[in-house]
Amino acid sequence: MTVDLVYFAWVRERIGVARETVTTTARTPADLIAELSARDPRYGAAFGDVSALRVAIDQELSDFDTPLENAKEVAFFPPMTGG
């Protein structure tokens, strides 16, 4: 499957790009993180502590074990704060 990945805030800074398109066999965001982290150390730095991350699949807040199925976009970002 081909999916667009979007990174926000310090996740984007650690990876070095705001968005990219990847081909993946991942079934969940957790699988996707493992796959990306194995590709390049930048991803390991960004995804080292998933408890400090949130994920959205097709702009819907999701869990890291949510099936990707036919997702078009996966976004990774730190928790949001009010203000």
PDB file of N, CA and C in Angstrom:
ATOM      1  N   MET A   1       0.847  -1.166   0.000  1.00  0.00           N
ATOM      2  CA  MET A   1       0.000   0.000   0.000  1.00  0.00           C
ATOM      3  C   MET A   1       0.896   1.234   0.000  1.00  0.00           C
ATOM      4  N   THR A   2       0.434   2.272  -0.647  1.00  0.00           N
ATOM      5  CA  THR A   2       1.124   3.556  -0.651  1.00  0.00           C
ATOM      6  C   THR A   2       0.333   4.517   0.220  1.00  0.00           C
ATOM      7  N   VAL A   3       1.025   5.219   1.099  1.00  0.00           N
ATOM      8  CA  VAL A   3       0.356   6.112   2.040  1.00  0.00           C
ATOM      9  C   VAL A   3       1.169   7.395   2.194  1.00  0.00           C
ATOM     10  N   ASP A   4       0.468   8.504   2.368  1.00  0.00           N
ATOM     11  CA  ASP A   4       1.115   9.790   2.638  1.00  0.00           C
ATOM     12  C   ASP A   4       1.328   9.899   4.137  1.00  0.00           C
ATOM     13  N   LEU A   5       2.528  10.264   4.533  1.00  0.00           N
ATOM     14  CA  LEU A   5       2.852  10.471   5.939  1.00  0.00           C
ATOM     15  C   LEU A   5       3.053  11.959   6.171  1.00  0.00           C
ATOM     16  N   VAL A   6       2.491  12.450   7.278  1.00  0.00           N
ATOM     17  CA  VAL A   6       2.599  13.867   7.631  1.00  0.00           C
ATOM     18  C   VAL A   6       3.160  13.943   9.049  1.00  0.00           C
ATOM     19  N   TYR A   7       4.140  14.803   9.237  1.00  0.00           N
ATOM     20  CA  TYR A   7       4.802  14.954  10.531  1.00  0.00           C
ATOM     21  C   TYR A   7       4.653  16.392  11.011  1.00  0.00           C
ATOM     22  N   PHE A   8       4.388  16.551  12.307  1.00  0.00           N
ATOM     23  CA  PHE A   8       4.198  17.874  12.878  1.00  0.00           C
ATOM     24  C   PHE A   8       5.170  18.118  14.029  1.00  0.00           C
ATOM     25  N   ALA A   9       5.457  19.390  14.270  1.00  0.00           N
ATOM     26  CA  ALA A   9       6.251  19.870  15.407  1.00  0.00           C
ATOM     27  C   ALA A   9       7.615  19.175  15.466  1.00  0.00           C
ATOM     28  N   TRP A  10       8.026  18.700  16.660  1.00  0.00           N
ATOM     29  CA  TRP A  10       9.355  18.114  16.807  1.00  0.00           C
ATOM     30  C   TRP A  10       9.510  16.803  16.050  1.00  0.00           C
ATOM     31  N   VAL A  11       8.417  16.136  15.722  1.00  0.00           N
ATOM     32  CA  VAL A  11       8.516  14.919  14.906  1.00  0.00           C
ATOM     33  C   VAL A  11       9.067  15.301  13.531  1.00  0.00           C
ATOM     34  N   ARG A  12       8.518  16.353  12.953  1.00  0.00           N
ATOM     35  CA  ARG A  12       8.980  16.851  11.657  1.00  0.00           C
ATOM     36  C   ARG A  12      10.442  17.280  11.734  1.00  0.00           C
ATOM     37  N   GLU A  13      10.803  17.960  12.810  1.00  0.00           N
ATOM     38  CA  GLU A  13      12.180  18.433  12.959  1.00  0.00           C
ATOM     39  C   GLU A  13      13.169  17.274  13.031  1.00  0.00           C
ATOM     40  N   ARG A  14      12.834  16.217  13.739  1.00  0.00           N
ATOM     41  CA  ARG A  14      13.745  15.077  13.876  1.00  0.00           C
ATOM     42  C   ARG A  14      13.862  14.274  12.585  1.00  0.00           C
ATOM     43  N   ILE A  15      12.768  14.166  11.852  1.00  0.00           N
ATOM     44  CA  ILE A  15      12.805  13.395  10.603  1.00  0.00           C
ATOM     45  C   ILE A  15      13.381  14.234   9.467  1.00  0.00           C
ATOM     46  N   GLY A  16      13.133  15.529   9.503  1.00  0.00           N
ATOM     47  CA  GLY A  16      13.712  16.419   8.500  1.00  0.00           C
ATOM     48  C   GLY A  16      12.822  16.724   7.315  1.00  0.00           C
ATOM     49  N   VAL A  17      11.600  16.226   7.316  1.00  0.00           N
ATOM     50  CA  VAL A  17      10.632  16.538   6.267  1.00  0.00           C
ATOM     51  C   VAL A  17       9.250  16.689   6.901  1.00  0.00           C
ATOM     52  N   ALA A  18       8.399  17.479   6.248  1.00  0.00           N
ATOM     53  CA  ALA A  18       7.042  17.671   6.756  1.00  0.00           C
ATOM     54  C   ALA A  18       6.097  16.572   6.285  1.00  0.00           C
ATOM     55  N   ARG A  19       6.390  16.027   5.111  1.00  0.00           N
ATOM     56  CA  ARG A  19       5.537  14.964   4.573  1.00  0.00           C
ATOM     57  C   ARG A  19       6.310  14.143   3.567  1.00  0.00           C
ATOM     58  N   GLU A  20       5.846  12.923   3.381  1.00  0.00           N
ATOM     59  CA  GLU A  20       6.448  12.043   2.383  1.00  0.00           C
ATOM     60  C   GLU A  20       5.439  10.951   2.032  1.00  0.00           C
ATOM     61  N   THR A  21       5.655  10.320   0.916  1.00  0.00           N
ATOM     62  CA  THR A  21       4.830   9.203   0.491  1.00  0.00           C
ATOM     63  C   THR A  21       5.689   7.951   0.532  1.00  0.00           C
ATOM     64  N   VAL A  22       5.177   6.899   1.174  1.00  0.00           N
ATOM     65  CA  VAL A  22       5.928   5.651   1.292  1.00  0.00           C
ATOM     66  C   VAL A  22       5.070   4.476   0.854  1.00  0.00           C
ATOM     67  N   THR A  23       5.743   3.446   0.411  1.00  0.00           N
ATOM     68  CA  THR A  23       5.100   2.166   0.148  1.00  0.00           C
ATOM     69  C   THR A  23       5.403   1.280   1.337  1.00  0.00           C
ATOM     70  N   THR A  24       4.368   0.657   1.902  1.00  0.00           N
ATOM     71  CA  THR A  24       4.533  -0.096   3.133  1.00  0.00           C
ATOM     72  C   THR A  24       3.693  -1.372   3.132  1.00  0.00           C
ATOM     73  N   THR A  25       4.122  -2.307   3.941  1.00  0.00           N
ATOM     74  CA  THR A  25       3.331  -3.514   4.182  1.00  0.00           C
ATOM     75  C   THR A  25       2.759  -3.484   5.605  1.00  0.00           C
ATOM     76  N   ALA A  26       2.939  -2.366   6.303  1.00  0.00           N
ATOM     77  CA  ALA A  26       2.482  -2.227   7.687  1.00  0.00           C
ATOM     78  C   ALA A  26       0.963  -2.384   7.776  1.00  0.00           C
ATOM     79  N   ARG A  27       0.535  -3.027   8.845  1.00  0.00           N
ATOM     80  CA  ARG A  27      -0.905  -3.207   9.077  1.00  0.00           C
ATOM     81  C   ARG A  27      -1.462  -2.206  10.084  1.00  0.00           C
ATOM     82  N   THR A  28      -0.574  -1.617  10.894  1.00  0.00           N
ATOM     83  CA  THR A  28      -0.979  -0.648  11.915  1.00  0.00           C
ATOM     84  C   THR A  28       0.054   0.473  11.964  1.00  0.00           C
ATOM     85  N   PRO A  29      -0.286   1.591  12.602  1.00  0.00           N
ATOM     86  CA  PRO A  29       0.727   2.631  12.786  1.00  0.00           C
ATOM     87  C   PRO A  29       1.951   2.122  13.558  1.00  0.00           C
ATOM     88  N   ALA A  30       1.745   1.231  14.520  1.00  0.00           N
ATOM     89  CA  ALA A  30       2.885   0.675  15.256  1.00  0.00           C
ATOM     90  C   ALA A  30       3.806  -0.092  14.307  1.00  0.00           C
ATOM     91  N   ASP A  31       3.230  -0.881  13.404  1.00  0.00           N
ATOM     92  CA  ASP A  31       4.027  -1.593  12.398  1.00  0.00           C
ATOM     93  C   ASP A  31       4.761  -0.607  11.500  1.00  0.00           C
ATOM     94  N   LEU A  32       4.080   0.462  11.131  1.00  0.00           N
ATOM     95  CA  LEU A  32       4.675   1.481  10.262  1.00  0.00           C
ATOM     96  C   LEU A  32       5.869   2.137  10.947  1.00  0.00           C
ATOM     97  N   ILE A  33       5.727   2.447  12.223  1.00  0.00           N
ATOM     98  CA  ILE A  33       6.836   3.031  12.987  1.00  0.00           C
ATOM     99  C   ILE A  33       8.025   2.083  13.009  1.00  0.00           C
ATOM    100  N   ALA A  34       7.774   0.802  13.244  1.00  0.00           N
ATOM    101  CA  ALA A  34       8.868  -0.177  13.267  1.00  0.00           C
ATOM    102  C   ALA A  34       9.552  -0.260  11.908  1.00  0.00           C
ATOM    103  N   GLU A  35       8.754  -0.260  10.858  1.00  0.00           N
ATOM    104  CA  GLU A  35       9.294  -0.336   9.495  1.00  0.00           C
ATOM    105  C   GLU A  35      10.146   0.888   9.178  1.00  0.00           C
ATOM    106  N   LEU A  36       9.643   2.072   9.497  1.00  0.00           N
ATOM    107  CA  LEU A  36      10.382   3.304   9.224  1.00  0.00           C
ATOM    108  C   LEU A  36      11.655   3.379  10.059  1.00  0.00           C
ATOM    109  N   SER A  37      11.553   3.005  11.332  1.00  0.00           N
ATOM    110  CA  SER A  37      12.712   3.064  12.230  1.00  0.00           C
ATOM    111  C   SER A  37      13.827   2.144  11.770  1.00  0.00           C
ATOM    112  N   ALA A  38      13.472   1.034  11.127  1.00  0.00           N
ATOM    113  CA  ALA A  38      14.473   0.107  10.606  1.00  0.00           C
ATOM    114  C   ALA A  38      15.157   0.666   9.355  1.00  0.00           C
ATOM    115  N   ARG A  39      14.508   1.595   8.669  1.00  0.00           N
ATOM    116  CA  ARG A  39      15.045   2.175   7.436  1.00  0.00           C
ATOM    117  C   ARG A  39      16.129   3.209   7.681  1.00  0.00           C
ATOM    118  N   ASP A  40      15.945   4.028   8.753  1.00  0.00           N
ATOM    119  CA  ASP A  40      16.818   5.191   8.916  1.00  0.00           C
ATOM    120  C   ASP A  40      16.805   5.635  10.378  1.00  0.00           C
ATOM    121  N   PRO A  41      17.954   6.000  10.928  1.00  0.00           N
ATOM    122  CA  PRO A  41      18.023   6.418  12.337  1.00  0.00           C
ATOM    123  C   PRO A  41      17.183   7.653  12.668  1.00  0.00           C
ATOM    124  N   ARG A  42      16.916   8.501  11.671  1.00  0.00           N
ATOM    125  CA  ARG A  42      16.082   9.691  11.931  1.00  0.00           C
ATOM    126  C   ARG A  42      14.721   9.286  12.489  1.00  0.00           C
ATOM    127  N   TYR A  43      14.167   8.209  11.949  1.00  0.00           N
ATOM    128  CA  TYR A  43      12.845   7.759  12.397  1.00  0.00           C
ATOM    129  C   TYR A  43      12.926   7.196  13.813  1.00  0.00           C
ATOM    130  N   GLY A  44      14.002   6.495  14.107  1.00  0.00           N
ATOM    131  CA  GLY A  44      14.201   5.989  15.454  1.00  0.00           C
ATOM    132  C   GLY A  44      14.245   7.122  16.471  1.00  0.00           C
ATOM    133  N   ALA A  45      14.884   8.225  16.095  1.00  0.00           N
ATOM    134  CA  ALA A  45      14.951   9.394  16.975  1.00  0.00           C
ATOM    135  C   ALA A  45      13.575  10.021  17.171  1.00  0.00           C
ATOM    136  N   ALA A  46      12.800  10.070  16.119  1.00  0.00           N
ATOM    137  CA  ALA A  46      11.472  10.684  16.197  1.00  0.00           C
ATOM    138  C   ALA A  46      10.463   9.795  16.911  1.00  0.00           C
ATOM    139  N   PHE A  47      10.577   8.479  16.715  1.00  0.00           N
ATOM    140  CA  PHE A  47       9.574   7.558  17.240  1.00  0.00           C
ATOM    141  C   PHE A  47      10.060   6.768  18.452  1.00  0.00           C
ATOM    142  N   GLY A  48      11.156   7.198  19.067  1.00  0.00           N
ATOM    143  CA  GLY A  48      11.739   6.465  20.177  1.00  0.00           C
ATOM    144  C   GLY A  48      10.818   6.291  21.375  1.00  0.00           C
ATOM    145  N   ASP A  49       9.938   7.237  21.595  1.00  0.00           N
ATOM    146  CA  ASP A  49       9.009   7.175  22.735  1.00  0.00           C
ATOM    147  C   ASP A  49       7.599   7.430  22.222  1.00  0.00           C
ATOM    148  N   VAL A  50       6.905   6.373  21.839  1.00  0.00           N
ATOM    149  CA  VAL A  50       5.564   6.547  21.261  1.00  0.00           C
ATOM    150  C   VAL A  50       4.551   7.054  22.282  1.00  0.00           C
ATOM    151  N   SER A  51       4.876   6.961  23.577  1.00  0.00           N
ATOM    152  CA  SER A  51       3.953   7.515  24.570  1.00  0.00           C
ATOM    153  C   SER A  51       3.890   9.044  24.463  1.00  0.00           C
ATOM    154  N   ALA A  52       4.875   9.639  23.791  1.00  0.00           N
ATOM    155  CA  ALA A  52       4.908  11.088  23.586  1.00  0.00           C
ATOM    156  C   ALA A  52       4.353  11.476  22.220  1.00  0.00           C
ATOM    157  N   LEU A  53       3.686  10.535  21.546  1.00  0.00           N
ATOM    158  CA  LEU A  53       3.153  10.776  20.203  1.00  0.00           C
ATOM    159  C   LEU A  53       1.666  10.487  20.129  1.00  0.00           C
ATOM    160  N   ARG A  54       1.042  11.100  19.150  1.00  0.00           N
ATOM    161  CA  ARG A  54      -0.328  10.787  18.778  1.00  0.00           C
ATOM    162  C   ARG A  54      -0.303  10.481  17.293  1.00  0.00           C
ATOM    163  N   VAL A  55      -1.338   9.758  16.840  1.00  0.00           N
ATOM    164  CA  VAL A  55      -1.422   9.399  15.433  1.00  0.00           C
ATOM    165  C   VAL A  55      -2.848   9.640  14.941  1.00  0.00           C
ATOM    166  N   ALA A  56      -2.951  10.081  13.708  1.00  0.00           N
ATOM    167  CA  ALA A  56      -4.250  10.244  13.059  1.00  0.00           C
ATOM    168  C   ALA A  56      -4.200   9.501  11.731  1.00  0.00           C
ATOM    169  N   ILE A  57      -5.254   8.752  11.462  1.00  0.00           N
ATOM    170  CA  ILE A  57      -5.380   8.043  10.191  1.00  0.00           C
ATOM    171  C   ILE A  57      -6.499   8.723   9.414  1.00  0.00           C
ATOM    172  N   ASP A  58      -6.167   9.209   8.239  1.00  0.00           N
ATOM    173  CA  ASP A  58      -7.115   9.960   7.417  1.00  0.00           C
ATOM    174  C   ASP A  58      -7.826  11.034   8.241  1.00  0.00           C
ATOM    175  N   GLN A  59      -7.029  11.780   8.996  1.00  0.00           N
ATOM    176  CA  GLN A  59      -7.436  12.929   9.802  1.00  0.00           C
ATOM    177  C   GLN A  59      -8.381  12.573  10.944  1.00  0.00           C
ATOM    178  N   GLU A  60      -8.336  11.320  11.405  1.00  0.00           N
ATOM    179  CA  GLU A  60      -9.119  10.894  12.557  1.00  0.00           C
ATOM    180  C   GLU A  60      -8.169  10.349  13.619  1.00  0.00           C
ATOM    181  N   LEU A  61      -8.219  10.934  14.819  1.00  0.00           N
ATOM    182  CA  LEU A  61      -7.354  10.496  15.903  1.00  0.00           C
ATOM    183  C   LEU A  61      -7.534   9.001  16.117  1.00  0.00           C
ATOM    184  N   SER A  62      -6.418   8.274  16.176  1.00  0.00           N
ATOM    185  CA  SER A  62      -6.454   6.814  16.227  1.00  0.00           C
ATOM    186  C   SER A  62      -5.465   6.280  17.242  1.00  0.00           C
ATOM    187  N   ASP A  63      -5.531   4.984  17.486  1.00  0.00           N
ATOM    188  CA  ASP A  63      -4.562   4.298  18.335  1.00  0.00           C
ATOM    189  C   ASP A  63      -3.474   3.704  17.454  1.00  0.00           C
ATOM    190  N   PHE A  64      -2.355   3.356  18.069  1.00  0.00           N
ATOM    191  CA  PHE A  64      -1.239   2.802  17.313  1.00  0.00           C
ATOM    192  C   PHE A  64      -1.498   1.376  16.834  1.00  0.00           C
ATOM    193  N   ASP A  65      -2.560   0.745  17.338  1.00  0.00           N
ATOM    194  CA  ASP A  65      -2.908  -0.602  16.876  1.00  0.00           C
ATOM    195  C   ASP A  65      -4.134  -0.609  15.964  1.00  0.00           C
ATOM    196  N   THR A  66      -4.578   0.568  15.530  1.00  0.00           N
ATOM    197  CA  THR A  66      -5.703   0.668  14.594  1.00  0.00           C
ATOM    198  C   THR A  66      -5.267   0.165  13.222  1.00  0.00           C
ATOM    199  N   PRO A  67      -6.063  -0.695  12.583  1.00  0.00           N
ATOM    200  CA  PRO A  67      -5.691  -1.162  11.242  1.00  0.00           C
ATOM    201  C   PRO A  67      -5.603  -0.005  10.243  1.00  0.00           C
ATOM    202  N   LEU A  68      -4.567  -0.042   9.414  1.00  0.00           N
ATOM    203  CA  LEU A  68      -4.406   0.983   8.379  1.00  0.00           C
ATOM    204  C   LEU A  68      -5.326   0.731   7.191  1.00  0.00           C
ATOM    205  N   GLU A  69      -5.610  -0.545   6.921  1.00  0.00           N
ATOM    206  CA  GLU A  69      -6.460  -0.950   5.805  1.00  0.00           C
ATOM    207  C   GLU A  69      -6.208  -0.104   4.565  1.00  0.00           C
ATOM    208  N   ASN A  70      -7.149   0.727   4.156  1.00  0.00           N
ATOM    209  CA  ASN A  70      -6.995   1.518   2.931  1.00  0.00           C
ATOM    210  C   ASN A  70      -6.680   2.976   3.225  1.00  0.00           C
ATOM    211  N   ALA A  71      -5.902   3.227   4.262  1.00  0.00           N
ATOM    212  CA  ALA A  71      -5.576   4.601   4.658  1.00  0.00           C
ATOM    213  C   ALA A  71      -4.865   5.334   3.528  1.00  0.00           C
ATOM    214  N   LYS A  72      -5.178   6.582   3.396  1.00  0.00           N
ATOM    215  CA  LYS A  72      -4.509   7.450   2.419  1.00  0.00           C
ATOM    216  C   LYS A  72      -3.451   8.309   3.094  1.00  0.00           C
ATOM    217  N   GLU A  73      -3.683   8.646   4.403  1.00  0.00           N
ATOM    218  CA  GLU A  73      -2.776   9.537   5.107  1.00  0.00           C
ATOM    219  C   GLU A  73      -2.643   9.097   6.558  1.00  0.00           C
ATOM    220  N   VAL A  74      -1.411   9.145   7.064  1.00  0.00           N
ATOM    221  CA  VAL A  74      -1.133   8.897   8.471  1.00  0.00           C
ATOM    222  C   VAL A  74      -0.309  10.080   8.968  1.00  0.00           C
ATOM    223  N   ALA A  75      -0.777  10.693  10.059  1.00  0.00           N
ATOM    224  CA  ALA A  75      -0.080  11.846  10.624  1.00  0.00           C
ATOM    225  C   ALA A  75       0.436  11.513  12.015  1.00  0.00           C
ATOM    226  N   PHE A  76       1.632  11.963  12.316  1.00  0.00           N
ATOM    227  CA  PHE A  76       2.245  11.767  13.626  1.00  0.00           C
ATOM    228  C   PHE A  76       2.527  13.138  14.229  1.00  0.00           C
ATOM    229  N   PHE A  77       2.189  13.306  15.514  1.00  0.00           N
ATOM    230  CA  PHE A  77       2.348  14.594  16.162  1.00  0.00           C
ATOM    231  C   PHE A  77       2.397  14.421  17.674  1.00  0.00           C
ATOM    232  N   PRO A  78       2.985  15.404  18.374  1.00  0.00           N
ATOM    233  CA  PRO A  78       2.986  15.354  19.837  1.00  0.00           C
ATOM    234  C   PRO A  78       1.576  15.669  20.347  1.00  0.00           C
ATOM    235  N   PRO A  79       1.314  15.331  21.607  1.00  0.00           N
ATOM    236  CA  PRO A  79      -0.010  15.661  22.169  1.00  0.00           C
ATOM    237  C   PRO A  79      -0.287  17.152  22.053  1.00  0.00           C
ATOM    238  N   MET A  80      -1.533  17.476  21.830  1.00  0.00           N
ATOM    239  CA  MET A  80      -1.935  18.870  21.694  1.00  0.00           C
ATOM    240  C   MET A  80      -2.248  19.443  23.072  1.00  0.00           C
ATOM    241  N   THR A  81      -1.963  20.704  23.235  1.00  0.00           N
ATOM    242  CA  THR A  81      -2.293  21.374  24.478  1.00  0.00           C
ATOM    243  C   THR A  81      -3.268  22.508  24.192  1.00  0.00           C
ATOM    244  N   GLY A  82      -4.035  22.836  25.167  1.00  0.00           N
ATOM    245  CA  GLY A  82      -5.010  23.929  24.999  1.00  0.00           C
ATOM    246  C   GLY A  82      -4.347  25.281  25.107  1.00  0.00           C
ATOM    247  N   GLY A  83      -5.121  26.286  24.806  1.00  0.00           N
ATOM    248  CA  GLY A  83      -4.529  27.611  24.958  1.00  0.00           C
ATOM    249  C   GLY A  83      -5.215  28.645  24.177  1.00  0.00           C
TER     250      GLY A  83
END
